[in-house]
């Protein structure tokens, strides 16, 4: 079983690798992602993938911390 901490760490690894497919794979097929900066929720794994890919193109120097604080 995957723990929440493992999921957060895996998301950070995918994010820092600029791997939209790896990051999106962590979401359920019908997930909804709420991003305050977007204004509207992103619905569905494919849309979440596309959002990650676009984000990585626009902000190539961004990074995420890799540890969950639970």
Protein backbone atom coordinates (compact mmCIF):
# COMPACT_ATOMS: atom_id res chain seq x y z
CA UNK A 1 0.00 0.00 0.00
CA UNK A 2 1.23 3.49 -0.82
CA UNK A 3 1.25 5.98 2.02
CA UNK A 4 0.30 9.66 1.64
CA UNK A 5 3.92 10.57 2.34
CA UNK A 6 5.09 8.32 -0.51
CA UNK A 7 2.60 9.94 -2.90
CA UNK A 8 3.76 13.44 -1.95
CA UNK A 9 7.38 12.41 -2.41
CA UNK A 10 6.65 10.77 -5.78
CA UNK A 11 4.79 13.91 -6.94
CA UNK A 12 7.78 16.06 -6.00
CA UNK A 13 10.12 13.73 -7.90
CA UNK A 14 7.87 13.83 -10.97
CA UNK A 15 7.50 17.61 -10.69
CA UNK A 16 11.24 18.21 -10.36
CA UNK A 17 11.88 15.86 -13.30
CA UNK A 18 9.34 17.83 -15.38
CA UNK A 19 7.59 14.51 -16.06
CA UNK A 20 3.93 15.37 -16.69
CA UNK A 21 2.97 11.74 -17.33
CA UNK A 22 4.55 10.54 -14.09
CA UNK A 23 2.89 13.33 -12.09
CA UNK A 24 -0.53 12.81 -13.69
CA UNK A 25 -0.35 9.05 -13.09
CA UNK A 26 -0.67 9.78 -9.36
CA UNK A 27 -4.21 11.08 -9.92
CA UNK A 28 -7.40 9.04 -10.33
CA UNK A 29 -8.78 9.02 -13.90
CA UNK A 30 -11.68 11.24 -12.78
CA UNK A 31 -9.75 13.43 -10.30
CA UNK A 32 -10.34 17.15 -9.91
CA UNK A 33 -7.33 19.37 -9.26
CA UNK A 34 -7.99 22.74 -7.65
CA UNK A 35 -5.35 25.32 -8.55
CA UNK A 36 -6.07 28.79 -7.14
CA UNK A 37 -4.06 30.48 -9.90
CA UNK A 38 -6.19 28.86 -12.62
CA UNK A 39 -9.51 29.96 -11.21
CA UNK A 40 -11.28 26.85 -12.48
CA UNK A 41 -10.72 23.24 -11.44
CA UNK A 42 -8.90 20.89 -13.80
CA UNK A 43 -10.94 17.71 -14.27
CA UNK A 44 -9.66 14.33 -15.37
CA UNK A 45 -6.20 12.77 -15.52
CA UNK A 46 -5.57 13.83 -19.12
CA UNK A 47 -6.42 17.47 -18.35
CA UNK A 48 -4.19 17.29 -15.25
CA UNK A 49 -1.39 15.90 -17.44
CA UNK A 50 -1.87 18.71 -19.95
CA UNK A 51 -1.84 21.27 -17.13
CA UNK A 52 1.44 19.89 -15.77
CA UNK A 53 2.99 19.90 -19.25
CA UNK A 54 1.95 23.51 -19.86
CA UNK A 55 3.17 24.56 -16.42
CA UNK A 56 6.58 22.98 -17.03
CA UNK A 57 6.91 24.85 -20.34
CA UNK A 58 6.02 28.21 -18.78
CA UNK A 59 7.91 27.78 -15.49
CA UNK A 60 10.92 25.54 -16.30
CA UNK A 61 12.84 26.58 -13.17
CA UNK A 62 10.15 25.78 -10.62
CA UNK A 63 10.68 23.00 -8.10
CA UNK A 64 8.88 21.20 -5.28
CA UNK A 65 10.01 19.98 -1.90
CA UNK A 66 10.09 16.19 -1.70
CA UNK A 67 8.92 15.49 1.84
CA UNK A 68 5.45 15.33 3.28
CA UNK A 69 4.92 16.89 6.65
CA UNK A 70 2.15 14.78 8.16
